[in-house]
Amino acid sequence: MSMSSGTGPAGAVLGADPQDALLAELVSFMTKDTPSVQHVLDLGEPHLREAAGLTAATVFELDSETGLLTVTARVGPPGPRDQLTAGKIFRMAAGAKPLVSGEQMAVRLRIGGQTVGVLLLTGSDLAALRADVLASLALHFATTLQGLAAEKQRQFVSHTANTIRGLFERGMAAASVEAAGRVLAASSAEGFRTEHAAVILVDPDSTVRYVHSVGLPDGDATLAGVVGKPATESPVWQAIKDGKVALANDSATSSVRPCDLALLMKLKSFVAMPLRSAQGPVGMIMCGDSSGTRDWTFRDRILAEQLSGEGGLIVDSAGMRQTAQAHVAELSHQAFHDSLTGLPNRTHLIERAERVVRDAAVTRSRVALMVLDLNGFKLVNDTAGHQVGDVLLQQVAKRLLGTVRDNDVVSRLGGDEFAILLTNDADEEVASVVAGRICERLRRPFAIDGRELSIGGSVGIALYPDDATDYEELMRRADAAMYEAKRATKGSGGGFRRARAGF
């Protein structure tokens, strides 16, 4: 052993006993740095090589949830039996001496009464290592592993909390089940930090009705082929149908057979999460990577289970909001539309006409209001019956809609009386053309239940601001003009009149 003078990087005297030097360096290093496991191993390796002929060393971290040993740090070449030798130590009592097997020694790493890993040493003279050195080395590795595990747990809890909070903030604002599905796909990709994610939503009979993807080059077009197919044909759906998540480290060898989504997305590893509502399965989230496999951890499983459970609630809530909004929309439609013809009713007409007249006053434009009364409708009702009369009114409504522009309003006022509101600066010429078109179309026979019925129509026209300056006066003048047209065209197929000055 060389006795040259000088000091090492940590202040240890060169030439001193290597095991004493190791103890000194460990104390110095651990009091001023927050090391990684590899740092500690690199620090000890030259001293262990000198003291015990060390050729390789590996630190295994113990997963407390799965009981698996994972390589955390290593120096030297790995051996074919490293994992097996390290695992043998768990057959021994917790306080037993290190396990020696040939040129290998396994040291249990414990702290606070808990095993956190195993140190595996390979060398030609491991018996030369003192018990106090091994104990100190083991304590430093255990302390480092425990600190890193605590930091991992802190980061996991923070990341999970942020993921779930973000999911709820966006998910509870989703106005439809499909919008909720899009939020879930995005949140899952963010939560697992995967390249791709997708969500499928199913009908009560488990038929796929909606798909959405994140991160795919061709977007949802890649998955469009699964819409309309039974989700029950998917192997993954069968694996998660009871509400359990499925994690596949390697799609090629996993016991969880990949489904259509995994194959279409070309995932080499994936997580599949069922979505269940109070009524049963509503869909599935799948996310993963196409560039390589991944070893999912117990923490990934915990996050997957949380996303699965919370995702089902979000889809359920979005469904209830969607139903409520549809109900409100239906009630609103019923309040402002005629139930027989589907046309806007008098309430809708008044609201729209008053707004149009106000706008016209600002823009100095014109508005035309026409009132239509059918000629001969009472005779149809009396001779053919009210059911035929109702069908006739529905056909009249369709013909009226065909005479106006998109921004105009055709309204049923009640009985056989209708109103037509012409916007977009409609003058007398425009109103006359439309009124003439209405009368001409109403003169054409109507085919109902194998019979032809003929009616006509009388139209009164009033213009803003020429004939009136507000809606009520406009309606009164148009109504009066309609009766004038009816008197003037009595016995004919109908016609139209404009409100007369001073009428």
Foldseek 3Di string as FASTA:
>chain_A
DDCDFDADPQGHTPPPQLLVSLLSSLVSDVVPDLDALQVNCVSNVVSCCVQFVWQKKWKWFADPVPRATDTRYMDHDDDPCQRVQQVVCVVDDPPDDWDDDPQKTKDFQDDPNDTTIIMITGGDGPVRDDPVSSVSSSPSSNVSSVVVVVVVVVVLVVLLVVLLVQLCVQLLPQQALQSNQVSLQVSVCSSVVFQKKKKFWADPQQATADMFMPNDPVTCVLVVVSHRPRPVVFQQCVVCQVFAKDWFQAQVPGPRHGGPVCVSSQFRIKIKGFAAEPSGTTIIMMGHYNVHGHDDDVSNRVSRSVSRDVSNVSSVSSHVSNVVVVVVVVVVQVVQADPLQSFGEPVVVQVVQQVLLVVCVVVVAKKKKKKKAKFPLVVCCVPVHVVQSSVVLNVLSVQLVVLADPPKGWYDHDDRMIMIIHHDRDDPVNVQVSQVSSQVVQQDWDADPNDTDGIGMFMEMEMPPVQHNGDVSRVVQNVVQSVVQCVVQPPHRTGYGYRDVVD
